Amino acid sequence: MKVNKNLLIQKTNKELEDYLKPNKGYVIDAIEYAVEILKERGYEFTEEQNAYLAVAFLPEEKKEVHKDYITASNLILASAGIGIITFLYGAVTTPDFSVFGGIVSLLVIAGIGILARTGADWLKYVLLAFALFSLFSLPIMIPYYQSQPIVGLVSFVQTILQIVAIIFLFKAPKEKPKWKDVFDN
C-alpha cells in the first residue's frame, strides 16, 4: 500500500504519536514516515515507543528478493543444467573421466544458483572470481576444446550464461530499509 508522506507531514505530533502505538493497524511505511517526520521535528521518543519500534521494524521471516537475483539464479541454474551435457558426454567419451569431479562441479554451480536466489550479495564476488579463474585457464583448455568441440561449445554457452548472471548480480540494488536511516545519527 502506498502511503502519502505529505498527508502525514500535515499532522500534529500528537496525531503522529498514534502511529507509534501497537495494534493500531498502520502499515509499516506509514510508521516509518511518522518516525522520520517526528525525528525531523526534534521529537523525543519514549522508552515504550522505542521498544515498539524495535519490534515493528524487525526483519520479516520472508525476505523479498530483487528480480535481478532471481534472473541471475535462473541463468546459473541453466548453466548447471547445461553442464550435465558436458558431464554425460565426458563420462561416455573420456576413459579417465572423473565422475567425482564432475558431480562436485555441478553441485557447486547449482549451489551458487540457489544462493543467488536468496539474494546473497557477496556471491557476485565469488562468481566473478570463478569467471576470472576460467579466463586465465582458457589458454590451457583451448587444445582440449579443439579436440572435444561439443564440450567446448557447451562450456562456451555456460560461460556466457554465467557472465550474464554476474552482470545481473552486480546490477541488483543493495536495498537498505528506510528505518535504518531514521535511527542513524
Protein backbone atom coordinates (compact mmCIF):
# COMPACT_ATOMS: atom_id res chain seq x y z
CA MET A 1 0.00 0.00 0.00
CA LYS A 2 1.35 3.41 -0.98
CA VAL A 3 1.49 5.99 1.82
CA ASN A 4 1.40 9.71 1.06
CA LYS A 5 4.09 11.28 3.23
CA ASN A 6 2.73 14.78 2.55
CA LEU A 7 -0.51 13.89 4.35
CA LEU A 8 1.47 12.76 7.37
CA ILE A 9 3.58 15.94 7.38
CA GLN A 10 0.38 17.96 7.89
CA LYS A 11 -0.45 16.04 11.08
CA THR A 12 0.49 17.29 14.52
CA ASN A 13 2.98 15.47 16.72
CA LYS A 14 0.10 14.22 18.85
CA GLU A 15 -1.60 12.71 15.80
CA LEU A 16 1.66 11.12 14.64
CA GLU A 17 2.14 9.57 18.08
CA ASP A 18 -0.80 7.28 17.27
CA TYR A 19 1.39 5.66 14.61
CA LEU A 20 3.82 4.69 17.36
CA LYS A 21 1.27 2.68 19.34
CA PRO A 22 0.90 -1.08 18.95
CA ASN A 23 -2.15 -2.66 17.31
CA LYS A 24 -3.34 0.47 15.56
CA GLY A 25 -3.28 -1.23 12.16
CA TYR A 26 -0.94 1.19 10.39
CA VAL A 27 1.23 -0.15 7.57
CA ILE A 28 4.98 -0.17 8.13
CA ASP A 29 5.56 2.61 5.57
CA ALA A 30 3.22 4.93 7.48
CA ILE A 31 5.01 4.15 10.75
CA GLU A 32 8.40 4.77 9.10
CA TYR A 33 7.24 8.13 7.75
CA ALA A 34 5.77 9.11 11.11
CA VAL A 35 9.05 8.30 12.86
CA GLU A 36 11.02 10.19 10.22
CA ILE A 37 8.79 13.28 10.49
CA LEU A 38 8.86 13.26 14.28
CA LYS A 39 12.64 12.88 14.29
CA GLU A 40 12.97 15.83 11.91
CA ARG A 41 10.82 17.87 14.29
CA GLY A 42 13.13 17.00 17.21
CA TYR A 43 10.62 14.72 18.91
CA GLU A 44 11.94 12.71 21.87
CA PHE A 45 10.70 9.10 21.76
CA THR A 46 9.67 7.42 24.99
CA GLU A 47 11.12 4.06 26.05
CA GLU A 48 7.77 2.43 25.27
CA GLN A 49 7.73 3.91 21.76
CA ASN A 50 11.35 2.85 21.15
CA ALA A 51 10.55 -0.69 22.31
CA TYR A 52 7.54 -0.88 19.97
CA LEU A 53 9.54 0.50 17.05
CA ALA A 54 12.33 -2.01 17.65
CA VAL A 55 9.81 -4.84 17.34
CA ALA A 56 7.84 -3.24 14.50
CA PHE A 57 10.96 -2.91 12.36
CA LEU A 58 12.28 -6.42 12.91
CA PRO A 59 13.01 -8.09 9.59
CA GLU A 60 10.20 -10.27 8.38
CA GLU A 61 10.62 -14.02 8.08
CA LYS A 62 10.27 -13.97 4.31
CA LYS A 63 12.67 -11.62 2.60
CA GLU A 64 11.62 -10.36 -0.79
CA VAL A 65 14.48 -10.84 -3.24
CA HIS A 66 15.03 -8.42 -6.11
CA LYS A 67 14.18 -9.76 -9.57
CA ASP A 68 17.80 -9.40 -10.73
CA TYR A 69 18.85 -12.02 -8.16
CA ILE A 70 16.13 -14.35 -9.42
CA THR A 71 17.20 -13.83 -13.04
CA ALA A 72 20.85 -14.45 -12.14
CA SER A 73 19.82 -17.58 -10.24
CA ASN A 74 17.89 -18.88 -13.23
CA LEU A 75 20.87 -18.27 -15.51
CA ILE A 76 23.27 -20.04 -13.15
CA LEU A 77 20.92 -22.99 -12.71
CA ALA A 78 20.54 -23.16 -16.50
CA SER A 79 24.32 -23.23 -16.71
CA ALA A 80 24.36 -26.16 -14.26
CA GLY A 81 21.68 -27.90 -16.31
CA ILE A 82 23.70 -27.45 -19.48
CA GLY A 83 26.73 -28.70 -17.56
CA ILE A 84 25.01 -32.06 -17.30
CA ILE A 85 25.55 -32.40 -21.06
CA THR A 86 29.30 -31.97 -20.61
CA PHE A 87 29.26 -34.35 -17.67
CA LEU A 88 27.43 -37.09 -19.58
CA TYR A 89 29.46 -36.58 -22.75
CA GLY A 90 32.71 -36.68 -20.78
CA ALA A 91 31.64 -39.80 -18.90
CA VAL A 92 30.91 -41.61 -22.17
CA THR A 93 33.82 -40.43 -24.33
CA THR A 94 36.72 -39.92 -21.92
CA PRO A 95 38.22 -43.08 -20.36
CA ASP A 96 39.87 -41.26 -17.43
CA PHE A 97 36.84 -39.02 -16.71
CA SER A 98 36.46 -38.09 -13.04
CA VAL A 99 32.84 -38.72 -12.04
CA PHE A 100 33.50 -37.27 -8.60
CA GLY A 101 35.00 -34.06 -10.05
CA GLY A 102 32.08 -33.67 -12.47
CA ILE A 103 29.49 -34.11 -9.74
CA VAL A 104 31.28 -31.67 -7.43
CA SER A 105 31.47 -29.08 -10.25
CA LEU A 106 27.76 -29.40 -10.99
CA LEU A 107 26.86 -29.18 -7.29
CA VAL A 108 28.99 -26.06 -6.82
CA ILE A 109 27.35 -24.32 -9.78
CA ALA A 110 23.86 -25.38 -8.62
CA GLY A 111 24.69 -24.24 -5.07
CA ILE A 112 25.74 -20.83 -6.35
CA GLY A 113 22.48 -20.65 -8.30
CA ILE A 114 20.44 -21.45 -5.20
CA LEU A 115 22.38 -18.94 -3.09
CA ALA A 116 21.80 -16.27 -5.73
CA ARG A 117 18.07 -16.84 -5.34
CA THR A 118 18.33 -15.90 -1.65
CA GLY A 119 19.79 -12.50 -2.52
CA ALA A 120 23.28 -13.20 -1.12
CA ASP A 121 25.09 -10.01 -2.12
CA TRP A 122 28.62 -11.38 -1.58
CA LEU A 123 28.00 -14.12 -4.15
CA LYS A 124 28.70 -11.82 -7.08
CA TYR A 125 32.33 -11.58 -5.99
CA VAL A 126 32.68 -15.36 -5.72
CA LEU A 127 31.18 -15.86 -9.16
CA LEU A 128 33.39 -13.11 -10.58
CA ALA A 129 36.47 -14.83 -9.10
CA PHE A 130 35.40 -18.12 -10.72
CA ALA A 131 34.92 -16.35 -14.04
CA LEU A 132 38.36 -14.73 -13.87
CA PHE A 133 39.93 -18.07 -12.97
CA SER A 134 38.22 -19.60 -16.01
CA LEU A 135 39.50 -16.78 -18.18
CA PHE A 136 43.09 -17.34 -17.04
CA SER A 137 42.82 -21.10 -17.58
CA LEU A 138 41.46 -20.65 -21.12
CA PRO A 139 44.85 -21.00 -22.87
CA ILE A 140 45.30 -24.39 -21.21
CA MET A 141 41.79 -25.51 -22.18
CA ILE A 142 41.80 -24.43 -25.86
CA PRO A 143 43.58 -27.59 -27.13
CA TYR A 144 41.08 -29.73 -25.18
CA TYR A 145 38.15 -27.80 -26.62
CA GLN A 146 39.57 -28.23 -30.13
CA SER A 147 39.73 -31.99 -29.65
CA GLN A 148 36.28 -32.05 -27.98
CA PRO A 149 34.19 -29.43 -29.83
CA ILE A 150 30.93 -30.41 -28.11
CA VAL A 151 32.48 -29.83 -24.70
CA GLY A 152 33.95 -26.55 -25.96
CA LEU A 153 30.60 -25.33 -27.27
CA VAL A 154 28.75 -26.28 -24.09
CA SER A 155 31.45 -24.65 -21.94
CA PHE A 156 31.19 -21.51 -24.06
CA VAL A 157 27.41 -21.38 -23.53
CA GLN A 158 27.89 -21.95 -19.80
CA THR A 159 30.43 -19.14 -19.65
CA ILE A 160 28.08 -16.73 -21.44
CA LEU A 161 25.23 -17.63 -19.07
CA GLN A 162 27.46 -17.10 -16.05
CA ILE A 163 28.81 -13.76 -17.31
CA VAL A 164 25.26 -12.51 -17.87
CA ALA A 165 24.38 -13.76 -14.36
CA ILE A 166 27.32 -11.79 -12.93
CA ILE A 167 26.02 -8.67 -14.70
CA PHE A 168 22.58 -9.17 -13.13
CA LEU A 169 24.14 -9.73 -9.69
CA PHE A 170 26.14 -6.50 -9.92
CA LYS A 171 23.08 -4.68 -11.30
CA ALA A 172 20.87 -5.77 -8.39
CA PRO A 173 20.40 -2.92 -5.92
CA LYS A 174 21.50 -3.12 -2.34
CA GLU A 175 18.32 -2.32 -0.50
CA LYS A 176 18.61 -0.79 2.92
CA PRO A 177 15.42 -0.39 4.96
CA LYS A 178 14.35 3.22 5.34
CA TRP A 179 14.00 2.87 9.11
CA LYS A 180 17.78 2.39 9.49
CA ASP A 181 18.30 5.91 8.18
CA VAL A 182 15.76 7.27 10.65
CA PHE A 183 17.61 5.97 13.72
CA ASP A 184 21.14 6.68 12.43
CA ASN A 185 22.53 9.84 13.94
